[in-house]
Amino acid sequence: MEYFPRIIHEARASPPASRMRESLPPGAAPAAGDRRVPSGYPWLRLLRPHHWLKNLFLAVPLLTAQAWSRPGAVAGLALGFLAFSLVASASYVLNDLADVAHDREHAVKRHRPLAAGLIGTGPALAVAALLALAGLAAAWEVGGSFLATLLVYAALTTLYTRRLKRIALLDVLALAALWTLRLVAGAAAIHVELSVWLLSFGAFLFLSLSLVKRCAELAAAAGEPSRRLPGRGYERRDLAALQAFGVATGVVSVLVLAMFVDSTAAQLRYPHHERLWLACPAIWYWLGRVWLETARGAMHHDPVVFSLRDRPSWAAFATVAAVWAAALSPL
């Protein structure tokens, strides 16, 4: 019960950037990122609607199970997407409230609306509550299994924000679990059984991407090797070990896909299952590029955002889509 009072206290513990701007001497220019912005823009940055694209992963079970002709599947998936997106935005608000003190020490995150003082704690909490309630109501319409999955997602998000994000390795396992729950929710929304192959592939892939996120933060951190990353359980000297873990789990995800190609499940679902082999080098290339950019210190703190802005990544995704379609083709 002390969770919300605690994050409110942390949000008010240090002066926001807006107060610091008031103390600038006459004629001094504000720092980059402190420019005036349209009144609605801070709310868009706080709720992160562009991150709703991540919830498109709910549609993966629909595609892999080839269930697009199932009655009500597309409508249920669309409503499930809305439910997940609303709850995700609510979780972003709570995460920023809990992290506001650490964000004000970060070179980039100090410009977030709460850390910069552009949005107050009270309005942020009120909007988060409304979004969460609306999301749960939409999930109820999708079905009991979907609602249960979303509740687990919300509980794990809260646990991650409150505690797990500060514990080394458990934090990336929690992030990977949150991604994997999208696959579970997608299967629940269309009432199909989630493939063990898809679950295994997704879990290792998402774990690799979660480790990218931490490695990017460590690479951008300044200070001594023993300096701990603010609000996290890592020191700068942990970077090499995390990179090794991340590359290994990424390779395992490709290995799982390669094993699936020759499985009975693939032979039953795809007329030309052997063509799926071509997806393996495409995914390996994309993951290799992500990790190479991370090692060079050029990775965005969110690898999904990086990939959506990266043309070679889009080429890899297009290749995977073409291979999947070719495997489904009767010709």
C-alpha atoms as a PDB file:
ATOM      1  CA  MET A   1       0.000   0.000   0.000  1.00  0.00           C
ATOM      2  CA  GLU A   2       2.952   2.332   0.459  1.00  0.00           C
ATOM      3  CA  TYR A   3       3.820   2.099  -3.264  1.00  0.00           C
ATOM      4  CA  PHE A   4       1.865   5.110  -4.531  1.00  0.00           C
ATOM      5  CA  PRO A   5       2.836   7.397  -1.607  1.00  0.00           C
ATOM      6  CA  ARG A   6       6.450   6.382  -2.209  1.00  0.00           C
ATOM      7  CA  ILE A   7       6.493   7.241  -5.903  1.00  0.00           C
ATOM      8  CA  ILE A   8       4.691  10.526  -5.175  1.00  0.00           C
ATOM      9  CA  HIS A   9       7.378  11.345  -2.617  1.00  0.00           C
ATOM     10  CA  GLU A  10      10.155  10.476  -5.077  1.00  0.00           C
ATOM     11  CA  ALA A  11       8.527  12.550  -7.791  1.00  0.00           C
ATOM     12  CA  ARG A  12       8.591  15.581  -5.497  1.00  0.00           C
ATOM     13  CA  ALA A  13      11.945  14.898  -3.882  1.00  0.00           C
ATOM     14  CA  SER A  14      14.130  16.872  -6.311  1.00  0.00           C
ATOM     15  CA  PRO A  15      13.343  20.128  -8.144  1.00  0.00           C
ATOM     16  CA  PRO A  16      12.057  19.696 -11.704  1.00  0.00           C
ATOM     17  CA  ALA A  17      13.776  21.254 -14.660  1.00  0.00           C
ATOM     18  CA  SER A  18      11.032  23.881 -14.891  1.00  0.00           C
ATOM     19  CA  ARG A  19      12.069  25.260 -11.487  1.00  0.00           C
ATOM     20  CA  MET A  20      15.731  25.189 -12.478  1.00  0.00           C
ATOM     21  CA  ARG A  21      14.891  27.220 -15.584  1.00  0.00           C
ATOM     22  CA  GLU A  22      13.310  29.847 -13.366  1.00  0.00           C
ATOM     23  CA  SER A  23      16.629  30.268 -11.562  1.00  0.00           C
ATOM     24  CA  LEU A  24      18.660  30.906 -14.720  1.00  0.00           C
ATOM     25  CA  PRO A  25      20.417  34.280 -14.729  1.00  0.00           C
ATOM     26  CA  PRO A  26      19.005  36.979 -17.039  1.00  0.00           C
ATOM     27  CA  GLY A  27      19.922  36.375 -20.650  1.00  0.00           C
ATOM     28  CA  ALA A  28      21.079  32.780 -20.091  1.00  0.00           C
ATOM     29  CA  ALA A  29      19.855  30.265 -22.632  1.00  0.00           C
ATOM     30  CA  PRO A  30      18.111  27.113 -21.446  1.00  0.00           C
ATOM     31  CA  ALA A  31      19.757  23.756 -22.068  1.00  0.00           C
ATOM     32  CA  ALA A  32      18.863  21.678 -25.087  1.00  0.00           C
ATOM     33  CA  GLY A  33      15.554  19.960 -24.491  1.00  0.00           C
ATOM     34  CA  ASP A  34      14.267  22.769 -22.237  1.00  0.00           C
ATOM     35  CA  ARG A  35      12.593  24.625 -25.095  1.00  0.00           C
ATOM     36  CA  ARG A  36       8.924  25.436 -24.851  1.00  0.00           C
ATOM     37  CA  VAL A  37       6.717  22.771 -26.421  1.00  0.00           C
ATOM     38  CA  PRO A  38       3.011  22.666 -27.311  1.00  0.00           C
ATOM     39  CA  SER A  39       0.807  22.038 -24.277  1.00  0.00           C
ATOM     40  CA  GLY A  40      -0.382  18.623 -25.466  1.00  0.00           C
ATOM     41  CA  TYR A  41       3.052  17.333 -26.446  1.00  0.00           C
ATOM     42  CA  PRO A  42       4.262  16.482 -22.896  1.00  0.00           C
ATOM     43  CA  TRP A  43       1.246  14.196 -22.482  1.00  0.00           C
ATOM     44  CA  LEU A  44       2.105  12.375 -25.709  1.00  0.00           C
ATOM     45  CA  ARG A  45       5.654  11.905 -24.473  1.00  0.00           C
ATOM     46  CA  LEU A  46       4.425  10.677 -21.090  1.00  0.00           C
ATOM     47  CA  LEU A  47       1.868   8.182 -22.446  1.00  0.00           C
ATOM     48  CA  ARG A  48       4.180   7.050 -25.282  1.00  0.00           C
ATOM     49  CA  PRO A  49       1.476   6.082 -27.828  1.00  0.00           C
ATOM     50  CA  HIS A  50       4.235   5.279 -30.332  1.00  0.00           C
ATOM     51  CA  HIS A  51       5.166   2.375 -28.052  1.00  0.00           C
ATOM     52  CA  TRP A  52       1.730   0.895 -28.724  1.00  0.00           C
ATOM     53  CA  LEU A  53       3.347  -0.544 -31.853  1.00  0.00           C
ATOM     54  CA  LYS A  54       4.968  -3.098 -29.532  1.00  0.00           C
ATOM     55  CA  ASN A  55       1.511  -4.507 -28.870  1.00  0.00           C
ATOM     56  CA  LEU A  56       1.324  -5.593 -32.506  1.00  0.00           C
ATOM     57  CA  PHE A  57       3.118  -8.676 -31.182  1.00  0.00           C
ATOM     58  CA  LEU A  58      -0.342  -9.760 -30.005  1.00  0.00           C
ATOM     59  CA  ALA A  59      -1.059 -10.525 -33.662  1.00  0.00           C
ATOM     60  CA  VAL A  60       1.833 -12.987 -34.018  1.00  0.00           C
ATOM     61  CA  PRO A  61      -0.208 -16.015 -32.783  1.00  0.00           C
ATOM     62  CA  LEU A  62      -2.941 -15.086 -35.283  1.00  0.00           C
ATOM     63  CA  LEU A  63      -0.405 -15.269 -38.119  1.00  0.00           C
ATOM     64  CA  THR A  64       1.491 -18.354 -36.983  1.00  0.00           C
ATOM     65  CA  ALA A  65      -1.740 -20.261 -36.267  1.00  0.00           C
ATOM     66  CA  GLN A  66      -3.182 -18.983 -39.573  1.00  0.00           C
ATOM     67  CA  ALA A  67      -6.383 -18.148 -37.695  1.00  0.00           C
ATOM     68  CA  TRP A  68      -7.338 -14.946 -39.533  1.00  0.00           C
ATOM     69  CA  SER A  69     -10.512 -16.583 -40.870  1.00  0.00           C
ATOM     70  CA  ARG A  70     -11.689 -17.650 -37.400  1.00  0.00           C
ATOM     71  CA  PRO A  71     -14.993 -15.841 -36.575  1.00  0.00           C
ATOM     72  CA  GLY A  72     -14.420 -12.860 -34.290  1.00  0.00           C
ATOM     73  CA  ALA A  73     -10.652 -13.347 -34.165  1.00  0.00           C
ATOM     74  CA  VAL A  74      -9.689 -10.037 -35.773  1.00  0.00           C
ATOM     75  CA  ALA A  75     -12.250  -8.061 -33.718  1.00  0.00           C
ATOM     76  CA  GLY A  76     -11.109  -9.696 -30.488  1.00  0.00           C
ATOM     77  CA  LEU A  77      -7.492  -9.018 -31.338  1.00  0.00           C
ATOM     78  CA  ALA A  78      -8.211  -5.343 -32.090  1.00  0.00           C
ATOM     79  CA  LEU A  79      -9.978  -4.907 -28.749  1.00  0.00           C
ATOM     80  CA  GLY A  80      -7.136  -6.749 -27.033  1.00  0.00           C
ATOM     81  CA  PHE A  81      -4.631  -4.417 -28.671  1.00  0.00           C
ATOM     82  CA  LEU A  82      -6.547  -1.432 -27.284  1.00  0.00           C
ATOM     83  CA  ALA A  83      -6.685  -2.959 -23.789  1.00  0.00           C
ATOM     84  CA  PHE A  84      -2.954  -3.693 -23.713  1.00  0.00           C
ATOM     85  CA  SER A  85      -2.099  -0.252 -25.068  1.00  0.00           C
ATOM     86  CA  LEU A  86      -4.139   1.577 -22.436  1.00  0.00           C
ATOM     87  CA  VAL A  87      -2.682  -0.465 -19.580  1.00  0.00           C
ATOM     88  CA  ALA A  88       0.822  -0.068 -21.026  1.00  0.00           C
ATOM     89  CA  SER A  89       0.468   3.724 -21.085  1.00  0.00           C
ATOM     90  CA  ALA A  90      -0.708   3.662 -17.473  1.00  0.00           C
ATOM     91  CA  SER A  91       2.370   1.615 -16.561  1.00  0.00           C
ATOM     92  CA  TYR A  92       4.645   4.119 -18.339  1.00  0.00           C
ATOM     93  CA  VAL A  93       3.246   6.890 -16.160  1.00  0.00           C
ATOM     94  CA  LEU A  94       3.828   4.912 -12.950  1.00  0.00           C
ATOM     95  CA  ASN A  95       7.311   3.923 -14.119  1.00  0.00           C
ATOM     96  CA  ASP A  96       8.248   7.548 -14.782  1.00  0.00           C
ATOM     97  CA  LEU A  97       6.868   8.596 -11.401  1.00  0.00           C
ATOM     98  CA  ALA A  98       8.960   5.948  -9.657  1.00  0.00           C
ATOM     99  CA  ASP A  99      12.069   6.846 -11.699  1.00  0.00           C
ATOM    100  CA  VAL A 100      11.763  10.622 -11.647  1.00  0.00           C
ATOM    101  CA  ALA A 101      14.697  11.200  -9.272  1.00  0.00           C
ATOM    102  CA  HIS A 102      17.008   8.985 -11.331  1.00  0.00           C
ATOM    103  CA  ASP A 103      15.722  10.419 -14.625  1.00  0.00           C
ATOM    104  CA  ARG A 104      16.826  13.880 -13.518  1.00  0.00           C
ATOM    105  CA  GLU A 105      20.393  12.573 -13.358  1.00  0.00           C
ATOM    106  CA  HIS A 106      20.214  11.008 -16.843  1.00  0.00           C
ATOM    107  CA  ALA A 107      21.507  12.924 -19.874  1.00  0.00           C
ATOM    108  CA  VAL A 108      18.434  12.127 -21.995  1.00  0.00           C
ATOM    109  CA  LYS A 109      15.688  11.021 -19.592  1.00  0.00           C
ATOM    110  CA  ARG A 110      15.881  14.306 -17.633  1.00  0.00           C
ATOM    111  CA  HIS A 111      13.789  15.799 -20.441  1.00  0.00           C
ATOM    112  CA  ARG A 112      10.864  13.456 -19.764  1.00  0.00           C
ATOM    113  CA  PRO A 113       7.702  15.422 -18.842  1.00  0.00           C
ATOM    114  CA  LEU A 114       7.618  14.409 -15.159  1.00  0.00           C
ATOM    115  CA  ALA A 115      11.349  14.806 -14.605  1.00  0.00           C
ATOM    116  CA  ALA A 116      11.255  18.199 -16.342  1.00  0.00           C
ATOM    117  CA  GLY A 117       8.246  19.344 -14.311  1.00  0.00           C
ATOM    118  CA  LEU A 118       6.029  19.780 -17.369  1.00  0.00           C
ATOM    119  CA  ILE A 119       3.289  17.594 -15.847  1.00  0.00           C
ATOM    120  CA  GLY A 120       2.305  17.417 -12.193  1.00  0.00           C
ATOM    121  CA  THR A 121       2.204  14.266 -10.093  1.00  0.00           C
ATOM    122  CA  GLY A 122      -1.537  14.495  -9.352  1.00  0.00           C
ATOM    123  CA  PRO A 123      -2.752  14.787 -12.964  1.00  0.00           C
ATOM    124  CA  ALA A 124      -0.352  12.029 -14.019  1.00  0.00           C
ATOM    125  CA  LEU A 125      -1.725   9.622 -11.397  1.00  0.00           C
ATOM    126  CA  ALA A 126      -5.323  10.469 -12.318  1.00  0.00           C
ATOM    127  CA  VAL A 127      -4.721   9.796 -16.017  1.00  0.00           C
ATOM    128  CA  ALA A 128      -2.903   6.534 -15.209  1.00  0.00           C
ATOM    129  CA  ALA A 129      -5.873   5.318 -13.152  1.00  0.00           C
ATOM    130  CA  LEU A 130      -8.371   6.166 -15.899  1.00  0.00           C
ATOM    131  CA  LEU A 131      -6.284   4.432 -18.563  1.00  0.00           C
ATOM    132  CA  ALA A 132      -5.875   1.308 -16.419  1.00  0.00           C
ATOM    133  CA  LEU A 133      -9.606   1.061 -15.718  1.00  0.00           C
ATOM    134  CA  ALA A 134     -10.498   1.563 -19.382  1.00  0.00           C
ATOM    135  CA  GLY A 135      -7.963  -1.070 -20.422  1.00  0.00           C
ATOM    136  CA  LEU A 136      -9.287  -3.635 -17.938  1.00  0.00           C
ATOM    137  CA  ALA A 137     -12.854  -2.964 -19.085  1.00  0.00           C
ATOM    138  CA  ALA A 138     -11.848  -3.618 -22.711  1.00  0.00           C
ATOM    139  CA  ALA A 139     -10.026  -6.796 -21.645  1.00  0.00           C
ATOM    140  CA  TRP A 140     -13.182  -8.041 -19.919  1.00  0.00           C
ATOM    141  CA  GLU A 141     -14.971  -7.834 -23.264  1.00  0.00           C
ATOM    142  CA  VAL A 142     -12.275  -9.924 -24.941  1.00  0.00           C
ATOM    143  CA  GLY A 143     -12.571 -12.817 -22.499  1.00  0.00           C
ATOM    144  CA  GLY A 144     -11.571 -14.235 -19.151  1.00  0.00           C
ATOM    145  CA  SER A 145      -8.250 -15.754 -20.263  1.00  0.00           C
ATOM    146  CA  PHE A 146      -7.198 -12.529 -21.914  1.00  0.00           C
ATOM    147  CA  LEU A 147      -8.180 -10.499 -18.838  1.00  0.00           C
ATOM    148  CA  ALA A 148      -6.203 -12.864 -16.592  1.00  0.00           C
ATOM    149  CA  THR A 149      -3.144 -12.477 -18.810  1.00  0.00           C
ATOM    150  CA  LEU A 150      -3.462  -8.696 -18.771  1.00  0.00           C
ATOM    151  CA  LEU A 151      -3.766  -8.717 -14.976  1.00  0.00           C
ATOM    152  CA  VAL A 152      -0.575 -10.775 -14.746  1.00  0.00           C
ATOM    153  CA  TYR A 153       1.067  -8.278 -17.102  1.00  0.00           C
ATOM    154  CA  ALA A 154      -0.074  -5.353 -14.951  1.00  0.00           C
ATOM    155  CA  ALA A 155       1.057  -7.059 -11.723  1.00  0.00           C
ATOM    156  CA  LEU A 156       4.472  -7.897 -13.175  1.00  0.00           C
ATOM    157  CA  THR A 157       4.834  -4.356 -14.506  1.00  0.00           C
ATOM    158  CA  THR A 158       4.108  -2.991 -11.032  1.00  0.00           C
ATOM    159  CA  LEU A 159       6.539  -5.442  -9.427  1.00  0.00           C
ATOM    160  CA  TYR A 160       9.168  -4.529 -12.005  1.00  0.00           C
ATOM    161  CA  THR A 161       8.693  -0.813 -11.387  1.00  0.00           C
ATOM    162  CA  ARG A 162       8.709  -1.185  -7.633  1.00  0.00           C
ATOM    163  CA  ARG A 163      11.513  -3.694  -7.117  1.00  0.00           C
ATOM    164  CA  LEU A 164      12.762  -5.915  -9.947  1.00  0.00           C
ATOM    165  CA  LYS A 165      14.248  -3.142 -12.082  1.00  0.00           C
ATOM    166  CA  ARG A 166      16.833  -2.580  -9.356  1.00  0.00           C
ATOM    167  CA  ILE A 167      17.949  -6.239  -9.221  1.00  0.00           C
ATOM    168  CA  ALA A 168      20.576  -7.295 -11.742  1.00  0.00           C
ATOM    169  CA  LEU A 169      19.480 -10.011 -14.213  1.00  0.00           C
ATOM    170  CA  LEU A 170      16.022 -10.351 -12.670  1.00  0.00           C
ATOM    171  CA  ASP A 171      15.146  -7.052 -14.328  1.00  0.00           C
ATOM    172  CA  VAL A 172      15.867  -8.323 -17.853  1.00  0.00           C
ATOM    173  CA  LEU A 173      14.051 -11.588 -17.140  1.00  0.00           C
ATOM    174  CA  ALA A 174      11.025  -9.524 -16.089  1.00  0.00           C
ATOM    175  CA  LEU A 175      11.230  -7.389 -19.238  1.00  0.00           C
ATOM    176  CA  ALA A 176      11.424 -10.507 -21.406  1.00  0.00           C
ATOM    177  CA  ALA A 177       8.443 -11.974 -19.555  1.00  0.00           C
ATOM    178  CA  LEU A 178       6.427  -8.801 -20.213  1.00  0.00           C
ATOM    179  CA  TRP A 179       7.163  -9.122 -23.933  1.00  0.00           C
ATOM    180  CA  THR A 180       6.351 -12.838 -23.927  1.00  0.00           C
ATOM    181  CA  LEU A 181       3.030 -12.184 -22.192  1.00  0.00           C
ATOM    182  CA  ARG A 182       1.980 -10.298 -25.323  1.00  0.00           C
ATOM    183  CA  LEU A 183       2.226 -13.565 -27.243  1.00  0.00           C
ATOM    184  CA  VAL A 184       0.232 -15.367 -24.549  1.00  0.00           C
ATOM    185  CA  ALA A 185      -2.405 -12.614 -24.613  1.00  0.00           C
ATOM    186  CA  GLY A 186      -2.607 -12.703 -28.405  1.00  0.00           C
ATOM    187  CA  ALA A 187      -3.350 -16.425 -28.347  1.00  0.00           C
ATOM    188  CA  ALA A 188      -5.959 -15.907 -25.610  1.00  0.00           C
ATOM    189  CA  ALA A 189      -7.656 -13.124 -27.590  1.00  0.00           C
ATOM    190  CA  ILE A 190      -8.297 -15.426 -30.566  1.00  0.00           C
ATOM    191  CA  HIS A 191      -8.841 -18.564 -28.460  1.00  0.00           C
ATOM    192  CA  VAL A 192      -6.015 -20.700 -29.849  1.00  0.00           C
ATOM    193  CA  GLU A 193      -3.348 -22.708 -28.064  1.00  0.00           C
ATOM    194  CA  LEU A 194       0.015 -20.970 -28.033  1.00  0.00           C
ATOM    195  CA  SER A 195       2.696 -22.985 -29.796  1.00  0.00           C
ATOM    196  CA  VAL A 196       5.588 -24.093 -27.591  1.00  0.00           C
ATOM    197  CA  TRP A 197       7.887 -23.304 -30.523  1.00  0.00           C
ATOM    198  CA  LEU A 198       6.648 -19.712 -30.711  1.00  0.00           C
ATOM    199  CA  LEU A 199       6.811 -19.337 -26.933  1.00  0.00           C
ATOM    200  CA  SER A 200      10.421 -20.590 -26.832  1.00  0.00           C
ATOM    201  CA  PHE A 201      11.542 -18.473 -29.790  1.00  0.00           C
ATOM    202  CA  GLY A 202       9.895 -15.360 -28.391  1.00  0.00           C
ATOM    203  CA  ALA A 203      11.242 -15.810 -24.863  1.00  0.00           C
ATOM    204  CA  PHE A 204      14.880 -16.034 -26.005  1.00  0.00           C
ATOM    205  CA  LEU A 205      14.475 -13.242 -28.557  1.00  0.00           C
ATOM    206  CA  PHE A 206      12.887 -10.887 -26.027  1.00  0.00           C
ATOM    207  CA  LEU A 207      15.535 -11.714 -23.423  1.00  0.00           C
ATOM    208  CA  SER A 208      18.222 -10.745 -25.927  1.00  0.00           C
ATOM    209  CA  LEU A 209      16.480  -7.437 -26.697  1.00  0.00           C
ATOM    210  CA  SER A 210      16.036  -6.720 -22.978  1.00  0.00           C
ATOM    211  CA  LEU A 211      19.773  -7.175 -22.498  1.00  0.00           C
ATOM    212  CA  VAL A 212      20.372  -4.772 -25.410  1.00  0.00           C
ATOM    213  CA  LYS A 213      18.423  -2.155 -23.479  1.00  0.00           C
ATOM    214  CA  ARG A 214      20.612  -2.518 -20.388  1.00  0.00           C
ATOM    215  CA  CYS A 215      23.838  -2.644 -22.392  1.00  0.00           C
ATOM    216  CA  ALA A 216      22.888   0.566 -24.203  1.00  0.00           C
ATOM    217  CA  GLU A 217      22.298   2.296 -20.867  1.00  0.00           C
ATOM    218  CA  LEU A 218      25.627   1.077 -19.475  1.00  0.00           C
ATOM    219  CA  ALA A 219      27.486   2.122 -22.623  1.00  0.00           C
ATOM    220  CA  ALA A 220      26.052   5.637 -22.317  1.00  0.00           C
ATOM    221  CA  ALA A 221      26.874   5.931 -18.596  1.00  0.00           C
ATOM    222  CA  ALA A 222      29.849   7.980 -17.488  1.00  0.00           C
ATOM    223  CA  GLY A 223      32.160   7.536 -14.536  1.00  0.00           C
ATOM    224  CA  GLU A 224      34.354   4.873 -12.988  1.00  0.00           C
ATOM    225  CA  PRO A 225      33.906   1.202 -13.959  1.00  0.00           C
ATOM    226  CA  SER A 226      32.599   0.464 -10.459  1.00  0.00           C
ATOM    227  CA  ARG A 227      29.969   3.194 -10.645  1.00  0.00           C
ATOM    228  CA  ARG A 228      26.449   1.806 -10.359  1.00  0.00           C
ATOM    229  CA  LEU A 229      23.880   2.752 -12.965  1.00  0.00           C
ATOM    230  CA  PRO A 230      21.307   5.023 -11.239  1.00  0.00           C
ATOM    231  CA  GLY A 231      18.201   3.051 -10.287  1.00  0.00           C
ATOM    232  CA  ARG A 232      19.603  -0.228 -11.629  1.00  0.00           C
ATOM    233  CA  GLY A 233      21.578  -3.143 -10.232  1.00  0.00           C
ATOM    234  CA  TYR A 234      24.513  -2.872 -12.641  1.00  0.00           C
ATOM    235  CA  GLU A 235      27.961  -1.332 -12.657  1.00  0.00           C
ATOM    236  CA  ARG A 236      29.674  -0.083 -15.802  1.00  0.00           C
ATOM    237  CA  ARG A 237      32.133  -2.970 -15.674  1.00  0.00           C
ATOM    238  CA  ASP A 238      29.217  -5.417 -16.089  1.00  0.00           C
ATOM    239  CA  LEU A 239      28.831  -4.392 -19.734  1.00  0.00           C
ATOM    240  CA  ALA A 240      31.001  -7.145 -21.246  1.00  0.00           C
ATOM    241  CA  ALA A 241      29.190  -9.903 -19.332  1.00  0.00           C
ATOM    242  CA  LEU A 242      25.758  -8.591 -20.301  1.00  0.00           C
ATOM    243  CA  GLN A 243      26.808  -8.383 -23.946  1.00  0.00           C
ATOM    244  CA  ALA A 244      27.888 -12.030 -23.833  1.00  0.00           C
ATOM    245  CA  PHE A 245      24.571 -13.072 -22.274  1.00  0.00           C
ATOM    246  CA  GLY A 246      22.597 -11.068 -24.827  1.00  0.00           C
ATOM    247  CA  VAL A 247      24.405 -12.337 -27.915  1.00  0.00           C
ATOM    248  CA  ALA A 248      24.115 -15.935 -26.668  1.00  0.00           C
ATOM    249  CA  THR A 249      20.365 -15.716 -26.059  1.00  0.00           C
ATOM    250  CA  GLY A 250      19.857 -14.111 -29.458  1.00  0.00           C
ATOM    251  CA  VAL A 251      21.669 -16.972 -31.154  1.00  0.00           C
ATOM    252  CA  VAL A 252      19.562 -19.480 -29.190  1.00  0.00           C
ATOM    253  CA  SER A 253      16.383 -17.846 -30.532  1.00  0.00           C
ATOM    254  CA  VAL A 254      17.618 -18.390 -34.101  1.00  0.00           C
ATOM    255  CA  LEU A 255      18.508 -21.975 -33.200  1.00  0.00           C
ATOM    256  CA  VAL A 256      14.958 -22.580 -31.923  1.00  0.00           C
ATOM    257  CA  LEU A 257      13.589 -21.291 -35.232  1.00  0.00           C
ATOM    258  CA  ALA A 258      15.958 -23.559 -37.165  1.00  0.00           C
ATOM    259  CA  MET A 259      14.790 -26.579 -35.166  1.00  0.00           C
ATOM    260  CA  PHE A 260      11.150 -25.637 -35.771  1.00  0.00           C
ATOM    261  CA  VAL A 261      11.652 -25.673 -39.545  1.00  0.00           C
ATOM    262  CA  ASP A 262      12.180 -29.439 -39.546  1.00  0.00           C
ATOM    263  CA  SER A 263       9.549 -30.194 -36.908  1.00  0.00           C
ATOM    264  CA  THR A 264       6.275 -32.023 -37.407  1.00  0.00           C
ATOM    265  CA  ALA A 265       4.372 -28.848 -36.485  1.00  0.00           C
ATOM    266  CA  ALA A 266       6.008 -26.919 -39.336  1.00  0.00           C
ATOM    267  CA  GLN A 267       5.366 -29.725 -41.812  1.00  0.00           C
ATOM    268  CA  LEU A 268       1.665 -29.759 -40.923  1.00  0.00           C
ATOM    269  CA  ARG A 269       1.168 -25.985 -41.130  1.00  0.00           C
ATOM    270  CA  TYR A 270       3.364 -24.974 -44.075  1.00  0.00           C
ATOM    271  CA  PRO A 271       3.218 -26.576 -47.550  1.00  0.00           C
ATOM    272  CA  HIS A 272       6.859 -25.600 -48.074  1.00  0.00           C
ATOM    273  CA  HIS A 273       8.212 -25.597 -44.522  1.00  0.00           C
ATOM    274  CA  GLU A 274      11.802 -25.960 -45.774  1.00  0.00           C
ATOM    275  CA  ARG A 275      11.660 -22.379 -47.111  1.00  0.00           C
ATOM    276  CA  LEU A 276      11.471 -21.116 -43.539  1.00  0.00           C
ATOM    277  CA  TRP A 277      15.200 -21.807 -43.282  1.00  0.00           C
ATOM    278  CA  LEU A 278      15.764 -18.539 -45.141  1.00  0.00           C
ATOM    279  CA  ALA A 279      14.251 -16.625 -42.217  1.00  0.00           C
ATOM    280  CA  CYS A 280      17.113 -17.765 -39.958  1.00  0.00           C
ATOM    281  CA  PRO A 281      19.901 -15.724 -41.631  1.00  0.00           C
ATOM    282  CA  ALA A 282      17.595 -12.700 -41.906  1.00  0.00           C
ATOM    283  CA  ILE A 283      16.828 -12.733 -38.175  1.00  0.00           C
ATOM    284  CA  TRP A 284      20.467 -13.450 -37.356  1.00  0.00           C
ATOM    285  CA  TYR A 285      21.505 -10.449 -39.458  1.00  0.00           C
ATOM    286  CA  TRP A 286      19.028  -8.176 -37.700  1.00  0.00           C
ATOM    287  CA  LEU A 287      20.087  -9.334 -34.225  1.00  0.00           C
ATOM    288  CA  GLY A 288      23.746  -9.108 -35.205  1.00  0.00           C
ATOM    289  CA  ARG A 289      23.241  -5.542 -36.398  1.00  0.00           C
ATOM    290  CA  VAL A 290      21.454  -4.610 -33.159  1.00  0.00           C
ATOM    291  CA  TRP A 291      24.288  -5.993 -31.049  1.00  0.00           C
ATOM    292  CA  LEU A 292      26.978  -4.485 -33.267  1.00  0.00           C
ATOM    293  CA  GLU A 293      25.426  -1.035 -32.926  1.00  0.00           C
ATOM    294  CA  THR A 294      25.161  -1.609 -29.179  1.00  0.00           C
ATOM    295  CA  ALA A 295      28.867  -2.458 -28.962  1.00  0.00           C
ATOM    296  CA  ARG A 296      29.655   0.720 -30.933  1.00  0.00           C
ATOM    297  CA  GLY A 297      27.654   2.814 -28.474  1.00  0.00           C
ATOM    298  CA  ALA A 298      25.185   3.841 -31.176  1.00  0.00           C
ATOM    299  CA  MET A 299      22.137   1.959 -29.889  1.00  0.00           C
ATOM    300  CA  HIS A 300      18.958   3.783 -28.863  1.00  0.00           C
ATOM    301  CA  HIS A 301      17.973   2.927 -25.291  1.00  0.00           C
ATOM    302  CA  ASP A 302      15.010   1.042 -26.788  1.00  0.00           C
ATOM    303  CA  PRO A 303      16.073  -1.521 -29.448  1.00  0.00           C
ATOM    304  CA  VAL A 304      12.537  -1.668 -30.866  1.00  0.00           C
ATOM    305  CA  VAL A 305      12.589   2.087 -31.541  1.00  0.00           C
ATOM    306  CA  PHE A 306      16.024   1.707 -33.110  1.00  0.00           C
ATOM    307  CA  SER A 307      14.800  -1.082 -35.389  1.00  0.00           C
ATOM    308  CA  LEU A 308      11.762   0.887 -36.502  1.00  0.00           C
ATOM    309  CA  ARG A 309      14.047   3.737 -37.577  1.00  0.00           C
ATOM    310  CA  ASP A 310      16.702   1.520 -39.178  1.00  0.00           C
ATOM    311  CA  ARG A 311      16.403   0.689 -42.889  1.00  0.00           C
ATOM    312  CA  PRO A 312      18.540  -2.489 -42.777  1.00  0.00           C
ATOM    313  CA  SER A 313      16.292  -3.764 -39.992  1.00  0.00           C
ATOM    314  CA  TRP A 314      13.236  -3.126 -42.141  1.00  0.00           C
ATOM    315  CA  ALA A 315      14.916  -5.040 -44.967  1.00  0.00           C
ATOM    316  CA  ALA A 316      15.428  -7.990 -42.613  1.00  0.00           C
ATOM    317  CA  PHE A 317      11.780  -7.834 -41.484  1.00  0.00           C
ATOM    318  CA  ALA A 318      10.593  -7.698 -45.108  1.00  0.00           C
ATOM    319  CA  THR A 319      12.709 -10.750 -45.890  1.00  0.00           C
ATOM    320  CA  VAL A 320      11.178 -12.700 -43.010  1.00  0.00           C
ATOM    321  CA  ALA A 321       7.666 -11.728 -44.143  1.00  0.00           C
ATOM    322  CA  ALA A 322       8.421 -12.803 -47.728  1.00  0.00           C
ATOM    323  CA  VAL A 323       9.865 -16.130 -46.564  1.00  0.00           C
ATOM    324  CA  TRP A 324       6.816 -16.768 -44.383  1.00  0.00           C
ATOM    325  CA  ALA A 325       4.488 -16.070 -47.301  1.00  0.00           C
ATOM    326  CA  ALA A 326       6.551 -18.307 -49.580  1.00  0.00           C
ATOM    327  CA  ALA A 327       6.362 -21.153 -47.053  1.00  0.00           C
ATOM    328  CA  LEU A 328       2.557 -20.796 -46.993  1.00  0.00           C
ATOM    329  CA  SER A 329       2.261 -20.716 -50.781  1.00  0.00           C
ATOM    330  CA  PRO A 330       0.986 -23.937 -52.366  1.00  0.00           C
ATOM    331  CA  LEU A 331       3.209 -23.277 -55.424  1.00  0.00           C
END
